[in-house]
Amino acid sequence: MSQPEPTPRRPESDFGAIGVRSHFKGPYAGGPPPEDLRVDRPRLSAFGPRELVRMVTVYVTLTVSVGLRLAGWVVRVRPEGRDRGRRRDASAFAAACEGAVDGLLRLGPTYVKLGQLIASSPGLFPASLARSAQRCLDEVPPFDSRAAREMIRKDLGQPPAAIFKRFDEQPLSAASIGQVHACVLPDGREAVVKLQRPNIRKRMTTDLRIMYRLARTLENHFTFARNANTVALVEDLHYVTYQELNPALEAWRQHHFRAKLGAFGDNRWITAPEIYWDYCGPHMICMERMIGIPMDEFEAIRDLGFDGELIIRRGAKSWLEAVVIHGPFHGDMHAGNLWVLQDGRASYLDFGIMGELPDEYKQLIKDLFYTFIFDQEFARVARAYKGLGIMNDEMGSDEDVGRRIQMVVAPMLGASSSMSLGDFLMASLDMMRQYGLIAPKEMVLFSKQMLYMERYIKGLAPNWQFGSDPFLVKNIFPEEATKRATQLGMVFPD
């Protein structure tokens, strides 16, 4: 009886070869060591030969990119009357903005991230530039599969074919700092691996130092750059970038955030991907695969029959609990990082940027929501603001200042209000700067997330009274929330 032909074994460099290890344990099995969780931020103001050479490349690339777009514009535009000069100038500026974004995309990840920052802050930059920068949100090219294989081999000590049952060579998505590949673990669980771009830390350190010098130059010569506070933007980018460049810290925070969702025995409709520590390493995170739609696809969410208001209420509640109780909180809640899953749950994704408020600012947020929801005693808010130095006694008694705050805030608490609590918080931070105070970066991060939240509220729950819903603080002020819900005839959802 003839023997069957043996199944040919594919080369180990292939994704998904047979013969995987069923009990693989990587270097982070059981969690990363404490030293790998530290954030090391190189000095932003340093400048050496590497930065000088790269700076020449940056200036040449941006100049050529803008020049090419302007040249194309000149060729296309016919001479027009003098009364249309302003429109021609505007068109020329729009072409220059397109060229600047071309340059950002050519210069790579750090400049793509700057473009994303411009795109997400349209009020701070000229409309043409912010509009052009939208391309940075979805035009990030992936790195090649050979580099992906080598990174896995370096981190886990084995090629992907020896570790995973299947590993897709084509990435699901690519971003400025990394990209995501789908895979199947040996036990059949669907997962994804998030890989950091090769040599990204060195490249971004050099580029951030150049950006810092460029921002200072722009502020010295252009009003829009001073209004946008470009130096501070680069400093903020420097602050968050090195969090994102630490996959171990990101995975640990994601693990912690997910675990704390069930701390009070609820929030079962809110989740985050489970971290699979056995398959994590210094430059990669392996986690549960989620399938869903972004939070801003409002019509699609309704078409699937989901209750958009209930989704956003549950999400806002769990996030606020992370802010004032558990810490840290998710600090990058654009729609790509918040999905509605096929079973109706909502999931947080991408924990590269997170923040944790100092205790005194956690108390401020608690004071604000207690006042909004329960008793409208705005003197409490005034005392909190004075305690933080945002206001002083010269502005009046606690009661007088509280009444003035109430006049500003009360209209925001109505169901039909177009006013923004996020904008109110940002205005409070501006007031701090006028007094020469520097707000914690985490407070700025919190306020920006409020603006994201309000966008989802407008799309999914336009009649929901966000600032007066006791469900939000069910676990923060349990007795008061239960009493208020009874007064309103409200039954808390699960």
Protein backbone atom coordinates (compact mmCIF):
# COMPACT_ATOMS: atom_id res chain seq x y z
CA MET A 1 0.00 0.00 0.00
CA SER A 2 1.52 3.27 -1.10
CA GLN A 3 2.18 5.97 1.42
CA PRO A 4 0.52 9.38 0.90
CA GLU A 5 2.71 12.16 -0.28
CA PRO A 6 3.91 14.25 2.68
CA THR A 7 2.40 17.71 2.94
CA PRO A 8 5.08 20.17 1.85
CA ARG A 9 6.20 22.48 4.63
CA ARG A 10 6.22 26.10 3.64
CA PRO A 11 9.26 28.25 4.34
CA GLU A 12 9.31 29.64 7.86
CA SER A 13 9.21 33.19 6.52
CA ASP A 14 5.69 32.62 5.17
CA PHE A 15 2.74 33.88 7.17
CA GLY A 16 0.67 31.02 8.52
CA ALA A 17 2.86 27.99 7.88
CA ILE A 18 1.91 24.72 9.56
CA GLY A 19 3.62 23.34 12.64
CA VAL A 20 2.93 26.20 15.05
CA ARG A 21 3.67 25.92 18.76
CA SER A 22 0.50 25.37 20.77
CA HIS A 23 1.95 26.56 24.08
CA PHE A 24 4.07 29.51 23.03
CA LYS A 25 5.18 31.95 25.74
CA GLY A 26 6.73 35.24 24.66
CA PRO A 27 8.86 37.64 26.72
CA TYR A 28 5.79 39.37 28.20
CA ALA A 29 3.92 36.23 29.26
CA GLY A 30 2.27 37.29 32.51
CA GLY A 31 2.80 40.99 31.77
CA PRO A 32 5.75 43.31 31.05
CA PRO A 33 8.46 44.08 33.62
CA PRO A 34 8.11 47.45 35.42
CA GLU A 35 11.15 48.96 33.71
CA ASP A 36 9.48 48.51 30.31
CA LEU A 37 6.53 50.66 31.41
CA ARG A 38 8.60 53.81 31.89
CA VAL A 39 8.21 56.66 29.39
CA ASP A 40 11.57 58.07 28.32
CA ARG A 41 11.21 61.42 26.56
CA PRO A 42 14.42 62.73 24.94
CA ARG A 43 15.07 66.48 25.26
CA LEU A 44 13.11 68.40 22.62
CA SER A 45 15.49 71.36 22.36
CA ALA A 46 18.58 69.24 21.59
CA PHE A 47 19.98 69.67 18.09
CA GLY A 48 22.93 67.92 16.42
CA PRO A 49 24.33 66.88 13.02
CA ARG A 50 21.56 64.33 12.42
CA GLU A 51 18.90 66.99 12.98
CA LEU A 52 20.75 69.44 10.74
CA VAL A 53 20.90 67.01 7.81
CA ARG A 54 17.27 66.00 8.27
CA MET A 55 16.22 69.64 8.55
CA VAL A 56 17.67 70.35 5.11
CA THR A 57 15.65 67.42 3.77
CA VAL A 58 12.50 68.75 5.43
CA TYR A 59 12.87 72.26 4.06
CA VAL A 60 13.70 71.04 0.56
CA THR A 61 10.82 68.55 0.55
CA LEU A 62 8.27 71.10 1.73
CA THR A 63 9.54 73.77 -0.66
CA VAL A 64 9.52 71.47 -3.68
CA SER A 65 6.10 70.02 -2.79
CA VAL A 66 4.53 73.46 -2.43
CA GLY A 67 6.31 74.68 -5.58
CA LEU A 68 5.01 71.78 -7.67
CA ARG A 69 1.43 72.41 -6.61
CA LEU A 70 1.73 76.14 -7.28
CA ALA A 71 3.27 75.48 -10.68
CA GLY A 72 0.38 73.20 -11.55
CA TRP A 73 -2.06 75.86 -10.40
CA VAL A 74 -0.41 78.53 -12.57
CA VAL A 75 -0.61 76.29 -15.64
CA ARG A 76 -4.32 75.57 -15.10
CA VAL A 77 -5.51 79.09 -14.23
CA ARG A 78 -6.30 81.50 -17.06
CA PRO A 79 -5.72 85.24 -16.65
CA GLU A 80 -8.76 86.84 -15.05
CA GLY A 81 -9.95 90.34 -14.38
CA ARG A 82 -8.54 92.41 -11.55
CA ASP A 83 -11.81 92.07 -9.64
CA ARG A 84 -11.13 88.36 -9.27
CA GLY A 85 -7.68 88.74 -7.79
CA ARG A 86 -8.81 87.81 -4.32
CA ARG A 87 -10.27 84.50 -5.57
CA ARG A 88 -7.05 83.74 -7.46
CA ASP A 89 -5.05 84.44 -4.30
CA ALA A 90 -7.31 82.12 -2.33
CA SER A 91 -6.90 79.41 -4.94
CA ALA A 92 -3.15 79.84 -4.85
CA PHE A 93 -3.17 79.47 -1.09
CA ALA A 94 -5.30 76.33 -1.36
CA ALA A 95 -2.80 74.90 -3.86
CA ALA A 96 0.06 75.76 -1.51
CA CYS A 97 -1.77 73.97 1.33
CA GLU A 98 -2.17 70.87 -0.84
CA GLY A 99 1.56 71.04 -1.57
CA ALA A 100 2.40 71.36 2.12
CA VAL A 101 0.38 68.21 2.87
CA ASP A 102 2.09 66.43 -0.04
CA GLY A 103 5.34 67.25 1.71
CA LEU A 104 4.10 65.98 5.09
CA LEU A 105 3.13 62.67 3.52
CA ARG A 106 6.51 62.36 1.80
CA LEU A 107 8.41 63.13 5.00
CA GLY A 108 6.93 60.18 6.85
CA PRO A 109 5.30 59.26 10.16
CA THR A 110 6.12 62.27 12.35
CA TYR A 111 4.91 64.75 9.77
CA VAL A 112 1.86 62.63 9.00
CA LYS A 113 1.05 62.85 12.71
CA LEU A 114 1.45 66.63 12.54
CA GLY A 115 -0.97 66.63 9.60
CA GLN A 116 -3.45 64.62 11.66
CA LEU A 117 -3.15 67.18 14.45
CA ILE A 118 -3.86 70.01 11.99
CA ALA A 119 -6.82 68.11 10.54
CA SER A 120 -8.32 67.55 13.98
CA SER A 121 -7.92 71.24 15.01
CA PRO A 122 -9.67 73.13 12.17
CA GLY A 123 -10.39 76.17 14.31
CA LEU A 124 -6.69 76.78 14.93
CA PHE A 125 -5.47 76.68 11.32
CA PRO A 126 -6.57 78.19 7.99
CA ALA A 127 -9.54 76.25 6.60
CA SER A 128 -7.69 75.29 3.40
CA LEU A 129 -4.80 73.79 5.36
CA ALA A 130 -7.05 71.88 7.78
CA ARG A 131 -9.10 70.57 4.85
CA SER A 132 -6.02 69.44 2.92
CA ALA A 133 -4.59 67.78 6.04
CA GLN A 134 -7.59 65.42 6.11
CA ARG A 135 -5.56 63.29 3.69
CA CYS A 136 -3.17 62.48 6.54
CA LEU A 137 -5.97 60.58 8.26
CA ASP A 138 -6.23 57.89 5.60
CA GLU A 139 -3.24 58.07 3.29
CA VAL A 140 -0.57 56.46 5.49
CA PRO A 141 1.31 53.77 3.52
CA PRO A 142 2.11 50.50 5.32
CA PHE A 143 5.63 49.15 5.77
CA ASP A 144 6.46 45.96 3.91
CA SER A 145 5.75 42.42 5.07
CA ARG A 146 9.44 41.53 5.32
CA ALA A 147 9.93 44.21 7.99
CA ALA A 148 6.82 42.94 9.79
CA ARG A 149 8.14 39.38 9.83
CA GLU A 150 11.51 40.51 11.10
CA MET A 151 9.95 42.53 13.92
CA ILE A 152 7.95 39.52 15.11
CA ARG A 153 11.03 37.31 14.92
CA LYS A 154 13.06 39.88 16.90
CA ASP A 155 10.41 40.37 19.62
CA LEU A 156 9.19 36.80 20.07
CA GLY A 157 12.26 34.82 19.02
CA GLN A 158 10.38 32.87 16.33
CA PRO A 159 9.03 33.66 12.86
CA PRO A 160 5.27 34.23 12.63
CA ALA A 161 4.77 30.89 10.88
CA ALA A 162 6.04 29.07 13.97
CA ILE A 163 3.81 31.02 16.37
CA PHE A 164 0.46 31.74 14.70
CA LYS A 165 -2.01 29.42 13.05
CA ARG A 166 -2.53 32.14 10.47
CA PHE A 167 -1.01 35.57 10.00
CA ASP A 168 -2.24 37.87 7.22
CA GLU A 169 0.54 39.56 5.33
CA GLN A 170 -1.66 42.45 4.18
CA PRO A 171 -2.26 44.81 7.13
CA LEU A 172 -5.79 45.70 8.15
CA SER A 173 -4.76 49.30 8.71
CA ALA A 174 -1.67 51.49 8.81
CA ALA A 175 -1.07 54.57 10.94
CA SER A 176 1.77 56.99 11.56
CA ILE A 177 3.40 54.89 14.30
CA GLY A 178 2.39 51.34 13.45
CA GLN A 179 0.08 49.00 11.62
CA VAL A 180 -2.29 46.16 12.44
CA HIS A 181 -2.29 42.60 11.05
CA ALA A 182 -5.00 40.00 11.53
CA CYS A 183 -3.98 36.60 12.86
CA VAL A 184 -5.35 33.40 14.38
CA LEU A 185 -3.80 31.98 17.56
CA PRO A 186 -3.00 28.25 17.80
CA ASP A 187 -6.19 27.64 19.81
CA GLY A 188 -8.33 29.26 17.09
CA ARG A 189 -8.94 32.67 18.68
CA GLU A 190 -9.19 35.54 16.21
CA ALA A 191 -6.64 38.22 17.09
CA VAL A 192 -4.70 41.17 15.73
CA VAL A 193 -1.09 42.16 16.15
CA LYS A 194 -0.18 45.84 16.31
CA LEU A 195 3.39 46.35 15.11
CA GLN A 196 5.49 49.46 15.62
CA ARG A 197 7.19 50.91 12.56
CA PRO A 198 10.89 49.97 12.34
CA ASN A 199 13.30 52.54 13.83
CA ILE A 200 10.37 54.85 14.48
CA ARG A 201 11.64 56.18 17.82
CA LYS A 202 14.91 57.51 16.41
CA ARG A 203 13.17 59.04 13.39
CA MET A 204 10.47 60.74 15.44
CA THR A 205 12.95 62.12 17.95
CA THR A 206 14.91 63.79 15.16
CA ASP A 207 11.76 65.07 13.45
CA LEU A 208 10.20 66.44 16.63
CA ARG A 209 13.33 68.46 17.35
CA ILE A 210 13.17 69.91 13.84
CA MET A 211 9.45 70.63 14.20
CA TYR A 212 10.18 72.49 17.41
CA ARG A 213 12.66 74.78 15.64
CA LEU A 214 10.32 75.18 12.67
CA ALA A 215 7.40 76.07 14.98
CA ARG A 216 9.47 78.76 16.68
CA THR A 217 10.43 80.19 13.28
CA LEU A 218 6.80 80.20 12.11
CA GLU A 219 5.62 81.95 15.27
CA ASN A 220 8.23 84.67 14.69
CA HIS A 221 6.98 85.37 11.16
CA PHE A 222 3.30 84.42 10.80
CA THR A 223 0.24 85.54 12.76
CA PHE A 224 -1.69 82.32 12.15
CA ALA A 225 1.18 80.34 13.70
CA ARG A 226 1.15 82.55 16.80
CA ASN A 227 -2.65 82.25 17.06
CA ALA A 228 -2.38 78.47 16.71
CA ASN A 229 0.39 78.40 19.36
CA THR A 230 2.42 76.04 17.19
CA VAL A 231 5.28 75.69 19.69
CA ALA A 232 2.84 74.43 22.33
CA LEU A 233 1.33 72.04 19.76
CA VAL A 234 4.73 70.51 19.10
CA GLU A 235 5.38 70.28 22.85
CA ASP A 236 2.06 68.46 23.28
CA LEU A 237 2.91 66.16 20.38
CA HIS A 238 6.27 65.43 22.00
CA TYR A 239 4.51 64.64 25.28
CA VAL A 240 2.03 62.11 23.84
CA THR A 241 4.30 60.59 21.17
CA TYR A 242 6.54 58.79 23.63
CA GLN A 243 3.54 57.23 25.30
CA GLU A 244 2.53 55.85 21.90
CA LEU A 245 6.09 54.66 21.27
CA ASN A 246 5.90 52.37 24.30
CA PRO A 247 3.75 49.32 23.31
CA ALA A 248 4.27 47.70 26.71
CA LEU A 249 2.75 50.72 28.46
CA GLU A 250 -0.09 50.88 25.95
CA ALA A 251 -0.91 47.19 26.40
CA TRP A 252 -0.73 47.47 30.21
CA ARG A 253 -3.06 50.47 30.29
CA GLN A 254 -5.48 48.76 27.93
CA HIS A 255 -5.46 45.67 30.16
CA HIS A 256 -6.08 47.83 33.25
CA PHE A 257 -8.84 49.89 31.58
CA ARG A 258 -10.64 46.72 30.42
CA ALA A 259 -10.41 45.10 33.84
CA LYS A 260 -11.83 48.16 35.61
CA LEU A 261 -14.89 48.36 33.35
CA GLY A 262 -16.56 45.68 35.48
CA ALA A 263 -15.42 47.02 38.85
CA PHE A 264 -19.01 47.80 39.93
CA GLY A 265 -20.60 44.74 38.34
CA ASP A 266 -22.04 46.62 35.36
CA ASN A 267 -20.80 48.14 32.07
CA ARG A 268 -21.21 44.76 30.37
CA TRP A 269 -22.18 46.55 27.15
CA ILE A 270 -18.84 48.39 27.04
CA THR A 271 -15.57 46.60 26.37
CA ALA A 272 -12.00 46.82 25.10
CA PRO A 273 -9.91 44.14 23.37
CA GLU A 274 -8.36 41.54 25.66
CA ILE A 275 -4.56 41.58 25.65
CA TYR A 276 -2.94 38.23 24.81
CA TRP A 277 0.27 38.69 26.81
CA ASP A 278 1.89 35.45 25.59
CA TYR A 279 2.20 37.00 22.13
CA CYS A 280 3.29 40.53 23.11
CA GLY A 281 6.79 41.98 22.93
CA PRO A 282 8.70 45.27 23.21
CA HIS A 283 7.55 46.44 19.75
CA MET A 284 4.23 44.64 19.35
CA ILE A 285 0.86 44.04 21.01
CA CYS A 286 -1.33 41.01 20.39
CA MET A 287 -5.00 41.41 21.30
CA GLU A 288 -8.53 40.21 20.72
CA ARG A 289 -9.90 41.09 17.28
CA MET A 290 -12.95 43.34 17.23
CA ILE A 291 -15.33 43.72 14.28
CA GLY A 292 -17.62 46.73 14.16
CA ILE A 293 -18.28 50.19 12.76
CA PRO A 294 -16.89 53.58 13.88
CA MET A 295 -18.95 55.59 16.32
CA ASP A 296 -19.51 58.44 13.84
CA GLU A 297 -21.31 56.26 11.27
CA PHE A 298 -24.59 57.39 12.74
CA GLU A 299 -26.92 56.21 9.98
CA ALA A 300 -25.29 52.77 9.85
CA ILE A 301 -25.74 52.38 13.61
CA ARG A 302 -29.42 53.24 13.32
CA ASP A 303 -29.87 50.98 10.29
CA LEU A 304 -28.59 48.07 12.37
CA GLY A 305 -31.38 48.70 14.84
CA PHE A 306 -29.17 49.82 17.73
CA ASP A 307 -30.27 52.48 20.22
CA GLY A 308 -27.71 55.22 19.63
CA GLU A 309 -28.67 57.16 22.74
CA LEU A 310 -28.23 54.09 24.94
CA ILE A 311 -24.84 53.35 23.38
CA ILE A 312 -23.50 56.83 24.00
CA ARG A 313 -24.94 56.98 27.56
CA ARG A 314 -23.20 53.73 28.46
CA GLY A 315 -19.95 54.84 26.84
CA ALA A 316 -19.95 58.26 28.53
CA LYS A 317 -20.66 56.66 31.92
CA SER A 318 -17.79 54.16 31.69
CA TRP A 319 -15.39 56.85 30.47
CA LEU A 320 -16.31 59.26 33.27
CA GLU A 321 -15.71 56.49 35.82
CA ALA A 322 -12.24 56.01 34.37
CA VAL A 323 -11.61 59.75 34.67
CA VAL A 324 -12.59 60.27 38.30
CA ILE A 325 -12.29 56.81 39.90
CA HIS A 326 -10.09 54.27 38.13
CA GLY A 327 -7.62 56.13 35.94
CA PRO A 328 -6.14 56.37 33.45
CA PHE A 329 -8.79 57.45 30.93
CA HIS A 330 -8.82 57.02 27.16
CA GLY A 331 -7.33 60.16 25.62
CA ASP A 332 -7.89 59.75 21.87
CA MET A 333 -11.60 59.18 21.32
CA HIS A 334 -11.87 59.91 17.62
CA ALA A 335 -14.33 57.66 15.82
CA GLY A 336 -11.66 55.24 14.61
CA ASN A 337 -10.98 54.36 18.25
CA LEU A 338 -14.63 53.87 19.27
CA TRP A 339 -16.60 51.14 17.56
CA VAL A 340 -20.07 49.70 17.81
CA LEU A 341 -19.69 45.92 17.59
CA GLN A 342 -21.95 43.44 15.83
CA ASP A 343 -23.60 42.36 19.10
CA GLY A 344 -24.47 45.94 20.13
CA ARG A 345 -21.62 46.47 22.56
CA ALA A 346 -19.36 49.49 22.19
CA SER A 347 -15.60 49.01 22.30
CA TYR A 348 -12.72 51.34 23.01
CA LEU A 349 -9.69 50.78 20.77
CA ASP A 350 -6.11 52.07 20.59
CA PHE A 351 -4.83 53.01 24.03
CA GLY A 352 -1.66 54.75 22.84
CA ILE A 353 -2.76 58.08 24.33
CA MET A 354 -4.17 58.07 27.85
CA GLY A 355 -4.30 60.55 30.69
CA GLU A 356 -4.76 60.57 34.45
CA LEU A 357 -5.88 63.68 36.28
CA PRO A 358 -4.28 64.84 39.52
CA ASP A 359 -6.58 64.31 42.50
CA GLU A 360 -7.55 67.98 42.78
CA TYR A 361 -8.71 68.00 39.14
CA LYS A 362 -10.62 64.74 39.62
CA GLN A 363 -12.42 66.53 42.45
CA LEU A 364 -13.17 69.48 40.14
CA ILE A 365 -14.84 67.17 37.62
CA LYS A 366 -16.82 65.49 40.42
CA ASP A 367 -17.90 68.90 41.72
CA LEU A 368 -19.01 69.97 38.24
CA PHE A 369 -21.15 66.90 37.62
CA TYR A 370 -22.57 66.85 41.15
CA THR A 371 -23.65 70.46 40.68
CA PHE A 372 -25.01 69.91 37.16
CA ILE A 373 -27.03 66.82 38.06
CA PHE A 374 -28.17 67.24 41.66
CA ASP A 375 -28.40 70.68 43.24
CA GLN A 376 -27.17 73.50 40.93
CA GLU A 377 -25.15 74.93 43.82
CA PHE A 378 -22.57 76.67 41.65
CA ALA A 379 -20.85 78.21 44.67
CA ARG A 380 -19.26 74.75 44.98
CA VAL A 381 -17.80 75.16 41.48
CA ALA A 382 -16.55 78.64 42.37
CA ARG A 383 -14.76 77.24 45.44
CA ALA A 384 -13.18 74.53 43.31
CA TYR A 385 -12.00 77.09 40.73
CA LYS A 386 -10.57 79.31 43.44
CA GLY A 387 -8.83 76.36 45.05
CA LEU A 388 -7.07 75.63 41.77
CA GLY A 389 -6.17 79.29 41.20
CA ILE A 390 -8.41 79.66 38.16
CA MET A 391 -10.28 82.44 39.98
CA ASN A 392 -9.51 84.54 43.05
CA ASP A 393 -11.38 86.25 45.87
CA GLU A 394 -11.14 89.63 44.13
CA MET A 395 -13.68 88.36 41.61
CA GLY A 396 -16.35 88.17 44.32
CA SER A 397 -17.74 85.83 46.93
CA ASP A 398 -18.28 82.15 46.16
CA GLU A 399 -21.99 82.79 45.73
CA ASP A 400 -21.50 85.77 43.38
CA VAL A 401 -18.95 83.94 41.24
CA GLY A 402 -21.16 80.83 41.30
CA ARG A 403 -24.12 82.81 39.95
CA ARG A 404 -21.97 84.12 37.08
CA ILE A 405 -20.76 80.61 36.26
CA GLN A 406 -24.36 79.38 36.38
CA MET A 407 -25.43 82.01 33.85
CA VAL A 408 -22.84 80.60 31.44
CA VAL A 409 -23.35 76.91 32.13
CA ALA A 410 -27.12 76.58 32.70
CA PRO A 411 -28.07 76.98 29.01
CA MET A 412 -25.65 74.16 28.13
CA LEU A 413 -27.59 71.71 30.27
CA GLY A 414 -30.76 71.91 28.20
CA ALA A 415 -31.67 69.19 25.73
CA SER A 416 -31.80 71.53 22.73
CA SER A 417 -28.71 73.54 23.58
CA SER A 418 -26.01 73.89 20.94
CA MET A 419 -23.57 75.18 23.56
CA SER A 420 -20.66 72.97 24.56
CA LEU A 421 -19.47 71.87 27.98
CA GLY A 422 -16.21 70.97 26.27
CA ASP A 423 -15.86 74.56 25.07
CA PHE A 424 -16.64 75.75 28.60
CA LEU A 425 -13.80 73.64 29.97
CA MET A 426 -11.42 74.85 27.27
CA ALA A 427 -12.39 78.45 28.12
CA SER A 428 -11.61 77.69 31.77
CA LEU A 429 -8.14 76.55 30.72
CA ASP A 430 -7.67 79.76 28.73
CA MET A 431 -8.62 81.69 31.87
CA MET A 432 -5.91 79.82 33.77
CA ARG A 433 -3.35 80.90 31.19
CA GLN A 434 -4.46 84.52 31.59
CA TYR A 435 -3.63 84.21 35.29
CA GLY A 436 -0.23 82.80 34.43
CA LEU A 437 -1.19 79.28 35.51
CA ILE A 438 -0.39 76.14 33.55
CA ALA A 439 -3.11 73.50 33.50
CA PRO A 440 -2.04 69.86 33.60
CA LYS A 441 -1.77 68.40 30.11
CA GLU A 442 -4.18 65.71 31.25
CA MET A 443 -6.86 68.36 31.86
CA VAL A 444 -6.42 69.65 28.32
CA LEU A 445 -6.68 66.05 27.13
CA PHE A 446 -9.88 65.55 29.14
CA SER A 447 -11.46 68.68 27.66
CA LYS A 448 -10.63 67.59 24.10
CA GLN A 449 -12.32 64.23 24.72
CA MET A 450 -15.43 66.07 25.89
CA LEU A 451 -15.56 67.74 22.48
CA TYR A 452 -15.39 64.33 20.78
CA MET A 453 -18.14 63.05 23.08
CA GLU A 454 -20.39 65.98 22.26
CA ARG A 455 -20.03 65.27 18.55
CA TYR A 456 -21.28 61.71 19.06
CA ILE A 457 -24.11 62.99 21.24
CA LYS A 458 -25.30 65.31 18.46
CA GLY A 459 -25.27 62.42 15.99
CA LEU A 460 -26.71 59.65 18.16
CA ALA A 461 -28.63 61.31 20.99
CA PRO A 462 -29.54 64.91 20.10
CA ASN A 463 -32.31 65.03 22.74
CA TRP A 464 -30.26 63.51 25.56
CA GLN A 465 -29.52 65.86 28.46
CA PHE A 466 -25.89 64.87 28.94
CA GLY A 467 -25.20 67.31 31.78
CA SER A 468 -28.15 66.24 33.93
CA ASP A 469 -28.38 62.46 33.56
CA PRO A 470 -27.89 60.69 36.94
CA PHE A 471 -27.04 57.45 35.11
CA LEU A 472 -23.62 58.96 34.30
CA VAL A 473 -22.70 59.11 37.99
CA LYS A 474 -24.49 55.94 39.14
CA ASN A 475 -21.21 54.53 40.50
CA ILE A 476 -19.62 57.86 41.44
CA PHE A 477 -22.47 59.15 43.64
CA PRO A 478 -24.60 56.00 44.08
CA GLU A 479 -27.03 57.19 46.78
CA GLU A 480 -27.67 60.58 45.18
CA ALA A 481 -28.02 59.06 41.70
CA THR A 482 -30.57 56.47 42.86
CA LYS A 483 -32.60 59.13 44.66
CA ARG A 484 -32.54 61.44 41.64
CA ALA A 485 -33.56 58.63 39.28
CA THR A 486 -36.54 57.86 41.53
CA GLN A 487 -37.57 61.52 41.46
CA LEU A 488 -37.41 61.48 37.66
CA GLY A 489 -39.14 58.13 37.32
CA MET A 490 -36.02 56.83 35.57
CA VAL A 491 -34.92 53.21 35.46
CA PHE A 492 -31.19 52.82 34.94
CA PRO A 493 -30.26 50.61 31.97
CA ASP A 494 -27.98 47.62 32.51
